[in-house]
Amino acid sequence: IEEDYATCIDLTNAVIATGGSVVYSERAMRSLGERGVIVHLDLPVERIEQRLANLPTRGVVMEKGQTLRSLYAQREPLYRKYAQVTIDCTDKTHEQIVVEMVAVLG
């Protein structure tokens, strides 16, 4: 369902924050990249762990026994593969990240 939605959604004047698993679909990621700019917000796994302290209530889908670190290790190469722009978010506020995105995407 996520793949189908990602390939047909209207991207006109839109920012799409995909679910984490859409990156597993080459079809969806290619479609998004052809119709917009894929921005990877890069953050070390240690910072993600701090931000997702309430992981069970966040809706992050993981396989039984999977850890956040193993999920990160699985997805990070895919995020980098499809990213047209990567922004290092280490030690930046949300506001600083938005300002950088606007500057890069102009």
PDB file of N, CA and C in Angstrom:
ATOM      1  N   ILE A   1       0.840  -1.195   0.000  1.00  0.00           N
ATOM      2  CA  ILE A   1       0.000   0.000   0.000  1.00  0.00           C
ATOM      3  C   ILE A   1       0.875   1.245   0.000  1.00  0.00           C
ATOM      4  N   GLU A   2       1.913   1.225   0.827  1.00  0.00           N
ATOM      5  CA  GLU A   2       2.816   2.375   0.923  1.00  0.00           C
ATOM      6  C   GLU A   2       3.497   2.641  -0.423  1.00  0.00           C
ATOM      7  N   GLU A   3       3.927   1.585  -1.083  1.00  0.00           N
ATOM      8  CA  GLU A   3       4.573   1.713  -2.387  1.00  0.00           C
ATOM      9  C   GLU A   3       3.615   2.310  -3.420  1.00  0.00           C
ATOM     10  N   ASP A   4       2.401   1.804  -3.468  1.00  0.00           N
ATOM     11  CA  ASP A   4       1.414   2.322  -4.418  1.00  0.00           C
ATOM     12  C   ASP A   4       1.123   3.789  -4.161  1.00  0.00           C
ATOM     13  N   TYR A   5       0.985   4.143  -2.919  1.00  0.00           N
ATOM     14  CA  TYR A   5       0.685   5.531  -2.568  1.00  0.00           C
ATOM     15  C   TYR A   5       1.851   6.449  -2.955  1.00  0.00           C
ATOM     16  N   ALA A   6       3.070   6.009  -2.672  1.00  0.00           N
ATOM     17  CA  ALA A   6       4.249   6.826  -2.970  1.00  0.00           C
ATOM     18  C   ALA A   6       4.421   7.063  -4.463  1.00  0.00           C
ATOM     19  N   THR A   7       3.941   6.146  -5.288  1.00  0.00           N
ATOM     20  CA  THR A   7       4.112   6.299  -6.734  1.00  0.00           C
ATOM     21  C   THR A   7       3.018   7.130  -7.388  1.00  0.00           C
ATOM     22  N   CYS A   8       1.937   7.396  -6.679  1.00  0.00           N
ATOM     23  CA  CYS A   8       0.851   8.144  -7.314  1.00  0.00           C
ATOM     24  C   CYS A   8       0.493   9.453  -6.605  1.00  0.00           C
ATOM     25  N   ILE A   9       1.071   9.728  -5.458  1.00  0.00           N
ATOM     26  CA  ILE A   9       0.743  10.927  -4.701  1.00  0.00           C
ATOM     27  C   ILE A   9       1.155  12.182  -5.467  1.00  0.00           C
ATOM     28  N   ASP A  10       0.341  13.222  -5.351  1.00  0.00           N
ATOM     29  CA  ASP A  10       0.644  14.508  -5.984  1.00  0.00           C
ATOM     30  C   ASP A  10       1.724  15.205  -5.161  1.00  0.00           C
ATOM     31  N   LEU A  11       2.841  15.510  -5.783  1.00  0.00           N
ATOM     32  CA  LEU A  11       3.967  16.124  -5.085  1.00  0.00           C
ATOM     33  C   LEU A  11       4.081  17.626  -5.340  1.00  0.00           C
ATOM     34  N   THR A  12       3.087  18.220  -5.948  1.00  0.00           N
ATOM     35  CA  THR A  12       3.129  19.642  -6.256  1.00  0.00           C
ATOM     36  C   THR A  12       3.150  20.453  -4.968  1.00  0.00           C
ATOM     37  N   ASN A  13       4.198  21.252  -4.800  1.00  0.00           N
ATOM     38  CA  ASN A  13       4.344  22.109  -3.623  1.00  0.00           C
ATOM     39  C   ASN A  13       4.150  21.334  -2.330  1.00  0.00           C
ATOM     40  N   ALA A  14       4.790  20.201  -2.215  1.00  0.00           N
ATOM     41  CA  ALA A  14       4.589  19.343  -1.057  1.00  0.00           C
ATOM     42  C   ALA A  14       5.913  18.858  -0.470  1.00  0.00           C
ATOM     43  N   VAL A  15       5.878  18.616   0.812  1.00  0.00           N
ATOM     44  CA  VAL A  15       6.959  17.930   1.503  1.00  0.00           C
ATOM     45  C   VAL A  15       6.364  16.620   1.984  1.00  0.00           C
ATOM     46  N   ILE A  16       6.984  15.528   1.605  1.00  0.00           N
ATOM     47  CA  ILE A  16       6.487  14.208   1.975  1.00  0.00           C
ATOM     48  C   ILE A  16       7.496  13.580   2.934  1.00  0.00           C
ATOM     49  N   ALA A  17       7.060  13.300   4.134  1.00  0.00           N
ATOM     50  CA  ALA A  17       7.892  12.574   5.095  1.00  0.00           C
ATOM     51  C   ALA A  17       7.415  11.134   5.045  1.00  0.00           C
ATOM     52  N   THR A  18       8.158  10.310   4.328  1.00  0.00           N
ATOM     53  CA  THR A  18       7.716   8.930   4.110  1.00  0.00           C
ATOM     54  C   THR A  18       7.852   8.112   5.377  1.00  0.00           C
ATOM     55  N   GLY A  19       7.113   7.044   5.417  1.00  0.00           N
ATOM     56  CA  GLY A  19       7.336   6.048   6.453  1.00  0.00           C
ATOM     57  C   GLY A  19       8.685   5.411   6.209  1.00  0.00           C
ATOM     58  N   GLY A  20       9.303   4.923   7.237  1.00  0.00           N
ATOM     59  CA  GLY A  20      10.653   4.374   7.116  1.00  0.00           C
ATOM     60  C   GLY A  20      10.772   3.220   6.157  1.00  0.00           C
ATOM     61  N   SER A  21       9.719   2.439   5.990  1.00  0.00           N
ATOM     62  CA  SER A  21       9.843   1.240   5.161  1.00  0.00           C
ATOM     63  C   SER A  21       9.685   1.510   3.671  1.00  0.00           C
ATOM     64  N   VAL A  22       9.262   2.695   3.275  1.00  0.00           N
ATOM     65  CA  VAL A  22       9.121   2.977   1.840  1.00  0.00           C
ATOM     66  C   VAL A  22      10.481   2.890   1.139  1.00  0.00           C
ATOM     67  N   VAL A  23      11.552   3.086   1.873  1.00  0.00           N
ATOM     68  CA  VAL A  23      12.891   3.036   1.295  1.00  0.00           C
ATOM     69  C   VAL A  23      13.252   1.637   0.795  1.00  0.00           C
ATOM     70  N   TYR A  24      12.525   0.613   1.211  1.00  0.00           N
ATOM     71  CA  TYR A  24      12.756  -0.744   0.718  1.00  0.00           C
ATOM     72  C   TYR A  24      12.210  -0.942  -0.698  1.00  0.00           C
ATOM     73  N   SER A  25      11.380  -0.029  -1.167  1.00  0.00           N
ATOM     74  CA  SER A  25      10.777  -0.167  -2.489  1.00  0.00           C
ATOM     75  C   SER A  25      11.533   0.662  -3.511  1.00  0.00           C
ATOM     76  N   GLU A  26      12.262  -0.005  -4.383  1.00  0.00           N
ATOM     77  CA  GLU A  26      12.991   0.702  -5.437  1.00  0.00           C
ATOM     78  C   GLU A  26      12.016   1.464  -6.333  1.00  0.00           C
ATOM     79  N   ARG A  27      10.876   0.851  -6.634  1.00  0.00           N
ATOM     80  CA  ARG A  27       9.868   1.486  -7.483  1.00  0.00           C
ATOM     81  C   ARG A  27       9.386   2.799  -6.860  1.00  0.00           C
ATOM     82  N   ALA A  28       9.076   2.775  -5.591  1.00  0.00           N
ATOM     83  CA  ALA A  28       8.581   3.972  -4.909  1.00  0.00           C
ATOM     84  C   ALA A  28       9.665   5.045  -4.838  1.00  0.00           C
ATOM     85  N   MET A  29      10.871   4.664  -4.488  1.00  0.00           N
ATOM     86  CA  MET A  29      11.942   5.645  -4.341  1.00  0.00           C
ATOM     87  C   MET A  29      12.323   6.265  -5.683  1.00  0.00           C
ATOM     88  N   ARG A  30      12.349   5.467  -6.730  1.00  0.00           N
ATOM     89  CA  ARG A  30      12.645   6.021  -8.061  1.00  0.00           C
ATOM     90  C   ARG A  30      11.548   6.997  -8.491  1.00  0.00           C
ATOM     91  N   SER A  31      10.316   6.638  -8.226  1.00  0.00           N
ATOM     92  CA  SER A  31       9.192   7.505  -8.567  1.00  0.00           C
ATOM     93  C   SER A  31       9.277   8.825  -7.807  1.00  0.00           C
ATOM     94  N   LEU A  32       9.539   8.749  -6.526  1.00  0.00           N
ATOM     95  CA  LEU A  32       9.661   9.976  -5.730  1.00  0.00           C
ATOM     96  C   LEU A  32      10.820  10.836  -6.231  1.00  0.00           C
ATOM     97  N   GLY A  33      11.947  10.202  -6.545  1.00  0.00           N
ATOM     98  CA  GLY A  33      13.117  10.935  -7.022  1.00  0.00           C
ATOM     99  C   GLY A  33      12.937  11.555  -8.394  1.00  0.00           C
ATOM    100  N   GLU A  34      12.120  10.948  -9.227  1.00  0.00           N
ATOM    101  CA  GLU A  34      11.852  11.494 -10.558  1.00  0.00           C
ATOM    102  C   GLU A  34      10.905  12.688 -10.490  1.00  0.00           C
ATOM    103  N   ARG A  35      10.086  12.737  -9.466  1.00  0.00           N
ATOM    104  CA  ARG A  35       9.077  13.789  -9.366  1.00  0.00           C
ATOM    105  C   ARG A  35       9.388  14.842  -8.313  1.00  0.00           C
ATOM    106  N   GLY A  36      10.486  14.680  -7.614  1.00  0.00           N
ATOM    107  CA  GLY A  36      10.862  15.628  -6.570  1.00  0.00           C
ATOM    108  C   GLY A  36      12.307  15.408  -6.167  1.00  0.00           C
ATOM    109  N   VAL A  37      12.691  15.999  -5.064  1.00  0.00           N
ATOM    110  CA  VAL A  37      14.049  15.860  -4.540  1.00  0.00           C
ATOM    111  C   VAL A  37      13.977  15.050  -3.258  1.00  0.00           C
ATOM    112  N   ILE A  38      14.736  13.981  -3.212  1.00  0.00           N
ATOM    113  CA  ILE A  38      14.783  13.154  -2.011  1.00  0.00           C
ATOM    114  C   ILE A  38      15.887  13.685  -1.112  1.00  0.00           C
ATOM    115  N   VAL A  39      15.485  14.110   0.076  1.00  0.00           N
ATOM    116  CA  VAL A  39      16.413  14.665   1.056  1.00  0.00           C
ATOM    117  C   VAL A  39      16.577  13.660   2.191  1.00  0.00           C
ATOM    118  N   HIS A  40      17.801  13.305   2.456  1.00  0.00           N
ATOM    119  CA  HIS A  40      18.126  12.402   3.571  1.00  0.00           C
ATOM    120  C   HIS A  40      18.595  13.247   4.742  1.00  0.00           C
ATOM    121  N   LEU A  41      17.871  13.179   5.840  1.00  0.00           N
ATOM    122  CA  LEU A  41      18.263  13.872   7.059  1.00  0.00           C
ATOM    123  C   LEU A  41      19.130  12.917   7.867  1.00  0.00           C
ATOM    124  N   ASP A  42      20.421  13.128   7.817  1.00  0.00           N
ATOM    125  CA  ASP A  42      21.393  12.203   8.393  1.00  0.00           C
ATOM    126  C   ASP A  42      21.623  12.502   9.866  1.00  0.00           C
ATOM    127  N   LEU A  43      21.469  11.470  10.668  1.00  0.00           N
ATOM    128  CA  LEU A  43      21.653  11.597  12.105  1.00  0.00           C
ATOM    129  C   LEU A  43      22.246  10.291  12.626  1.00  0.00           C
ATOM    130  N   PRO A  44      23.283  10.379  13.457  1.00  0.00           N
ATOM    131  CA  PRO A  44      23.868   9.142  13.990  1.00  0.00           C
ATOM    132  C   PRO A  44      22.842   8.338  14.793  1.00  0.00           C
ATOM    133  N   VAL A  45      23.000   7.036  14.771  1.00  0.00           N
ATOM    134  CA  VAL A  45      22.052   6.146  15.438  1.00  0.00           C
ATOM    135  C   VAL A  45      21.933   6.476  16.930  1.00  0.00           C
ATOM    136  N   GLU A  46      23.012   6.927  17.542  1.00  0.00           N
ATOM    137  CA  GLU A  46      22.964   7.274  18.970  1.00  0.00           C
ATOM    138  C   GLU A  46      21.962   8.401  19.230  1.00  0.00           C
ATOM    139  N   ARG A  47      21.912   9.371  18.343  1.00  0.00           N
ATOM    140  CA  ARG A  47      20.963  10.485  18.490  1.00  0.00           C
ATOM    141  C   ARG A  47      19.538  10.017  18.231  1.00  0.00           C
ATOM    142  N   ILE A  48      19.382   9.124  17.279  1.00  0.00           N
ATOM    143  CA  ILE A  48      18.050   8.580  16.994  1.00  0.00           C
ATOM    144  C   ILE A  48      17.545   7.802  18.199  1.00  0.00           C
ATOM    145  N   GLU A  49      18.420   7.035  18.818  1.00  0.00           N
ATOM    146  CA  GLU A  49      18.028   6.293  20.020  1.00  0.00           C
ATOM    147  C   GLU A  49      17.546   7.242  21.114  1.00  0.00           C
ATOM    148  N   GLN A  50      18.223   8.370  21.274  1.00  0.00           N
ATOM    149  CA  GLN A  50      17.807   9.356  22.285  1.00  0.00           C
ATOM    150  C   GLN A  50      16.432   9.931  21.960  1.00  0.00           C
ATOM    151  N   ARG A  51      16.201  10.215  20.700  1.00  0.00           N
ATOM    152  CA  ARG A  51      14.930  10.816  20.273  1.00  0.00           C
ATOM    153  C   ARG A  51      13.775   9.834  20.314  1.00  0.00           C
ATOM    154  N   LEU A  52      14.080   8.555  20.121  1.00  0.00           N
ATOM    155  CA  LEU A  52      13.032   7.537  20.087  1.00  0.00           C
ATOM    156  C   LEU A  52      13.013   6.705  21.358  1.00  0.00           C
ATOM    157  N   ALA A  53      13.158   7.360  22.479  1.00  0.00           N
ATOM    158  CA  ALA A  53      13.147   6.646  23.753  1.00  0.00           C
ATOM    159  C   ALA A  53      11.834   5.892  23.951  1.00  0.00           C
ATOM    160  N   ASN A  54      10.771   6.380  23.363  1.00  0.00           N
ATOM    161  CA  ASN A  54       9.444   5.758  23.483  1.00  0.00           C
ATOM    162  C   ASN A  54       9.126   4.913  22.256  1.00  0.00           C
ATOM    163  N   LEU A  55      10.089   4.152  21.805  1.00  0.00           N
ATOM    164  CA  LEU A  55       9.980   3.368  20.572  1.00  0.00           C
ATOM    165  C   LEU A  55       8.698   2.542  20.452  1.00  0.00           C
ATOM    166  N   PRO A  56       8.261   1.836  21.484  1.00  0.00           N
ATOM    167  CA  PRO A  56       7.051   1.016  21.331  1.00  0.00           C
ATOM    168  C   PRO A  56       5.792   1.812  20.973  1.00  0.00           C
ATOM    169  N   THR A  57       5.742   3.072  21.349  1.00  0.00           N
ATOM    170  CA  THR A  57       4.545   3.876  21.057  1.00  0.00           C
ATOM    171  C   THR A  57       4.681   4.705  19.784  1.00  0.00           C
ATOM    172  N   ARG A  58       5.821   4.640  19.104  1.00  0.00           N
ATOM    173  CA  ARG A  58       6.062   5.451  17.915  1.00  0.00           C
ATOM    174  C   ARG A  58       5.586   4.810  16.617  1.00  0.00           C
ATOM    175  N   GLY A  59       5.241   3.538  16.656  1.00  0.00           N
ATOM    176  CA  GLY A  59       4.779   2.881  15.445  1.00  0.00           C
ATOM    177  C   GLY A  59       5.882   2.432  14.508  1.00  0.00           C
ATOM    178  N   VAL A  60       7.091   2.303  15.019  1.00  0.00           N
ATOM    179  CA  VAL A  60       8.204   1.824  14.213  1.00  0.00           C
ATOM    180  C   VAL A  60       8.056   0.313  14.064  1.00  0.00           C
ATOM    181  N   VAL A  61       7.948  -0.143  12.835  1.00  0.00           N
ATOM    182  CA  VAL A  61       7.757  -1.566  12.577  1.00  0.00           C
ATOM    183  C   VAL A  61       9.117  -2.242  12.496  1.00  0.00           C
ATOM    184  N   MET A  62       9.303  -3.230  13.360  1.00  0.00           N
ATOM    185  CA  MET A  62      10.550  -3.984  13.366  1.00  0.00           C
ATOM    186  C   MET A  62      10.226  -5.466  13.463  1.00  0.00           C
ATOM    187  N   GLU A  63      11.130  -6.264  12.934  1.00  0.00           N
ATOM    188  CA  GLU A  63      10.981  -7.710  13.036  1.00  0.00           C
ATOM    189  C   GLU A  63      11.197  -8.134  14.486  1.00  0.00           C
ATOM    190  N   LYS A  64      10.646  -9.274  14.845  1.00  0.00           N
ATOM    191  CA  LYS A  64      10.810  -9.783  16.201  1.00  0.00           C
ATOM    192  C   LYS A  64      12.297  -9.925  16.511  1.00  0.00           C
ATOM    193  N   GLY A  65      12.722  -9.362  17.630  1.00  0.00           N
ATOM    194  CA  GLY A  65      14.118  -9.432  18.052  1.00  0.00           C
ATOM    195  C   GLY A  65      15.023  -8.388  17.427  1.00  0.00           C
ATOM    196  N   GLN A  66      14.499  -7.621  16.501  1.00  0.00           N
ATOM    197  CA  GLN A  66      15.309  -6.601  15.832  1.00  0.00           C
ATOM    198  C   GLN A  66      15.501  -5.407  16.757  1.00  0.00           C
ATOM    199  N   THR A  67      16.660  -4.806  16.706  1.00  0.00           N
ATOM    200  CA  THR A  67      16.950  -3.621  17.501  1.00  0.00           C
ATOM    201  C   THR A  67      16.922  -2.384  16.610  1.00  0.00           C
ATOM    202  N   LEU A  68      16.873  -1.238  17.231  1.00  0.00           N
ATOM    203  CA  LEU A  68      16.921   0.002  16.466  1.00  0.00           C
ATOM    204  C   LEU A  68      18.239   0.115  15.701  1.00  0.00           C
ATOM    205  N   ARG A  69      19.301  -0.337  16.312  1.00  0.00           N
ATOM    206  CA  ARG A  69      20.615  -0.291  15.637  1.00  0.00           C
ATOM    207  C   ARG A  69      20.652  -1.181  14.400  1.00  0.00           C
ATOM    208  N   SER A  70      20.075  -2.371  14.481  1.00  0.00           N
ATOM    209  CA  SER A  70      20.086  -3.254  13.309  1.00  0.00           C
ATOM    210  C   SER A  70      19.150  -2.717  12.224  1.00  0.00           C
ATOM    211  N   LEU A  71      18.060  -2.097  12.622  1.00  0.00           N
ATOM    212  CA  LEU A  71      17.160  -1.465  11.650  1.00  0.00           C
ATOM    213  C   LEU A  71      17.870  -0.312  10.953  1.00  0.00           C
ATOM    214  N   TYR A  72      18.584   0.489  11.718  1.00  0.00           N
ATOM    215  CA  TYR A  72      19.364   1.601  11.178  1.00  0.00           C
ATOM    216  C   TYR A  72      20.407   1.082  10.187  1.00  0.00           C
ATOM    217  N   ALA A  73      21.111   0.027  10.566  1.00  0.00           N
ATOM    218  CA  ALA A  73      22.142  -0.547   9.696  1.00  0.00           C
ATOM    219  C   ALA A  73      21.550  -1.069   8.394  1.00  0.00           C
ATOM    220  N   GLN A  74      20.317  -1.521   8.450  1.00  0.00           N
ATOM    221  CA  GLN A  74      19.633  -2.044   7.268  1.00  0.00           C
ATOM    222  C   GLN A  74      19.163  -0.904   6.351  1.00  0.00           C
ATOM    223  N   ARG A  75      18.652   0.149   6.949  1.00  0.00           N
ATOM    224  CA  ARG A  75      18.045   1.230   6.155  1.00  0.00           C
ATOM    225  C   ARG A  75      19.015   2.325   5.724  1.00  0.00           C
ATOM    226  N   GLU A  76      20.022   2.615   6.524  1.00  0.00           N
ATOM    227  CA  GLU A  76      20.923   3.732   6.230  1.00  0.00           C
ATOM    228  C   GLU A  76      21.547   3.649   4.830  1.00  0.00           C
ATOM    229  N   PRO A  77      22.044   2.496   4.394  1.00  0.00           N
ATOM    230  CA  PRO A  77      22.593   2.426   3.033  1.00  0.00           C
ATOM    231  C   PRO A  77      21.537   2.731   1.961  1.00  0.00           C
ATOM    232  N   LEU A  78      20.297   2.363   2.210  1.00  0.00           N
ATOM    233  CA  LEU A  78      19.229   2.648   1.250  1.00  0.00           C
ATOM    234  C   LEU A  78      18.908   4.138   1.216  1.00  0.00           C
ATOM    235  N   TYR A  79      18.864   4.761   2.390  1.00  0.00           N
ATOM    236  CA  TYR A  79      18.632   6.210   2.434  1.00  0.00           C
ATOM    237  C   TYR A  79      19.713   6.929   1.634  1.00  0.00           C
ATOM    238  N   ARG A  80      20.960   6.520   1.820  1.00  0.00           N
ATOM    239  CA  ARG A  80      22.070   7.163   1.100  1.00  0.00           C
ATOM    240  C   ARG A  80      22.010   6.882  -0.406  1.00  0.00           C
ATOM    241  N   LYS A  81      21.590   5.686  -0.765  1.00  0.00           N
ATOM    242  CA  LYS A  81      21.491   5.307  -2.173  1.00  0.00           C
ATOM    243  C   LYS A  81      20.521   6.211  -2.932  1.00  0.00           C
ATOM    244  N   TYR A  82      19.382   6.473  -2.342  1.00  0.00           N
ATOM    245  CA  TYR A  82      18.334   7.222  -3.046  1.00  0.00           C
ATOM    246  C   TYR A  82      18.395   8.731  -2.830  1.00  0.00           C
ATOM    247  N   ALA A  83      19.138   9.176  -1.835  1.00  0.00           N
ATOM    248  CA  ALA A  83      19.179  10.604  -1.519  1.00  0.00           C
ATOM    249  C   ALA A  83      19.807  11.407  -2.650  1.00  0.00           C
ATOM    250  N   GLN A  84      19.150  12.501  -2.980  1.00  0.00           N
ATOM    251  CA  GLN A  84      19.721  13.447  -3.923  1.00  0.00           C
ATOM    252  C   GLN A  84      20.416  14.575  -3.166  1.00  0.00           C
ATOM    253  N   VAL A  85      20.019  14.756  -1.930  1.00  0.00           N
ATOM    254  CA  VAL A  85      20.614  15.736  -1.028  1.00  0.00           C
ATOM    255  C   VAL A  85      20.687  15.075   0.349  1.00  0.00           C
ATOM    256  N   THR A  86      21.827  15.230   1.015  1.00  0.00           N
ATOM    257  CA  THR A  86      21.961  14.744   2.382  1.00  0.00           C
ATOM    258  C   THR A  86      22.308  15.922   3.278  1.00  0.00           C
ATOM    259  N   ILE A  87      21.590  16.042   4.368  1.00  0.00           N
ATOM    260  CA  ILE A  87      21.842  17.109   5.333  1.00  0.00           C
ATOM    261  C   ILE A  87      22.259  16.471   6.649  1.00  0.00           C
ATOM    262  N   ASP A  88      23.419  16.871   7.135  1.00  0.00           N
ATOM    263  CA  ASP A  88      23.907  16.396   8.425  1.00  0.00           C
ATOM    264  C   ASP A  88      23.142  17.140   9.519  1.00  0.00           C
ATOM    265  N   CYS A  89      22.401  16.394  10.301  1.00  0.00           N
ATOM    266  CA  CYS A  89      21.540  16.993  11.325  1.00  0.00           C
ATOM    267  C   CYS A  89      22.154  16.954  12.719  1.00  0.00           C
ATOM    268  N   THR A  90      23.385  16.473  12.812  1.00  0.00           N
ATOM    269  CA  THR A  90      24.046  16.366  14.102  1.00  0.00           C
ATOM    270  C   THR A  90      24.162  17.734  14.766  1.00  0.00           C
ATOM    271  N   ASP A  91      23.722  17.810  15.998  1.00  0.00           N
ATOM    272  CA  ASP A  91      23.829  19.023  16.813  1.00  0.00           C
ATOM    273  C   ASP A  91      23.126  20.237  16.202  1.00  0.00           C
ATOM    274  N   LYS A  92      22.094  20.017  15.410  1.00  0.00           N
ATOM    275  CA  LYS A  92      21.316  21.118  14.831  1.00  0.00           C
ATOM    276  C   LYS A  92      19.892  21.063  15.362  1.00  0.00           C
ATOM    277  N   THR A  93      19.308  22.225  15.521  1.00  0.00           N
ATOM    278  CA  THR A  93      17.904  22.292  15.920  1.00  0.00           C
ATOM    279  C   THR A  93      17.041  22.034  14.694  1.00  0.00           C
ATOM    280  N   HIS A  94      15.761  21.780  14.941  1.00  0.00           N
ATOM    281  CA  HIS A  94      14.832  21.603  13.820  1.00  0.00           C
ATOM    282  C   HIS A  94      14.834  22.838  12.926  1.00  0.00           C
ATOM    283  N   GLU A  95      14.877  24.002  13.544  1.00  0.00           N
ATOM    284  CA  GLU A  95      14.863  25.253  12.784  1.00  0.00           C
ATOM    285  C   GLU A  95      16.097  25.376  11.894  1.00  0.00           C
ATOM    286  N   GLN A  96      17.265  25.017  12.406  1.00  0.00           N
ATOM    287  CA  GLN A  96      18.497  25.084  11.614  1.00  0.00           C
ATOM    288  C   GLN A  96      18.440  24.119  10.431  1.00  0.00           C
ATOM    289  N   ILE A  97      17.864  22.963  10.641  1.00  0.00           N
ATOM    290  CA  ILE A  97      17.743  21.973   9.571  1.00  0.00           C
ATOM    291  C   ILE A  97      16.816  22.486   8.478  1.00  0.00           C
ATOM    292  N   VAL A  98      15.709  23.092   8.866  1.00  0.00           N
ATOM    293  CA  VAL A  98      14.775  23.643   7.880  1.00  0.00           C
ATOM    294  C   VAL A  98      15.437  24.750   7.093  1.00  0.00           C
ATOM    295  N   VAL A  99      16.166  25.628   7.754  1.00  0.00           N
ATOM    296  CA  VAL A  99      16.865  26.720   7.061  1.00  0.00           C
ATOM    297  C   VAL A  99      17.857  26.146   6.053  1.00  0.00           C
ATOM    298  N   GLU A 100      18.573  25.108   6.426  1.00  0.00           N
ATOM    299  CA  GLU A 100      19.546  24.482   5.515  1.00  0.00           C
ATOM    300  C   GLU A 100      18.828  23.834   4.331  1.00  0.00           C
ATOM    301  N   MET A 101      17.704  23.161   4.585  1.00  0.00           N
ATOM    302  CA  MET A 101      16.955  22.536   3.506  1.00  0.00           C
ATOM    303  C   MET A 101      16.478  23.595   2.509  1.00  0.00           C
ATOM    304  N   VAL A 102      15.935  24.682   3.009  1.00  0.00           N
ATOM    305  CA  VAL A 102      15.449  25.744   2.128  1.00  0.00           C
ATOM    306  C   VAL A 102      16.594  26.320   1.310  1.00  0.00           C
ATOM    307  N   ALA A 103      17.746  26.502   1.926  1.00  0.00           N
ATOM    308  CA  ALA A 103      18.898  27.045   1.205  1.00  0.00           C
ATOM    309  C   ALA A 103      19.370  26.086   0.132  1.00  0.00           C
ATOM    310  N   VAL A 104      19.419  24.802   0.432  1.00  0.00           N
ATOM    311  CA  VAL A 104      19.894  23.809  -0.540  1.00  0.00           C
ATOM    312  C   VAL A 104      18.919  23.635  -1.685  1.00  0.00           C
ATOM    313  N   LEU A 105      17.623  23.634  -1.355  1.00  0.00           N
ATOM    314  CA  LEU A 105      16.619  23.379  -2.373  1.00  0.00           C
ATOM    315  C   LEU A 105      16.203  24.626  -3.122  1.00  0.00           C
ATOM    316  N   GLY A 106      16.504  25.786  -2.525  1.00  0.00           N
ATOM    317  CA  GLY A 106      16.253  27.086  -3.131  1.00  0.00           C
ATOM    318  C   GLY A 106      14.947  27.208  -3.741  1.00  0.00           C
TER     319      GLY A 106
END
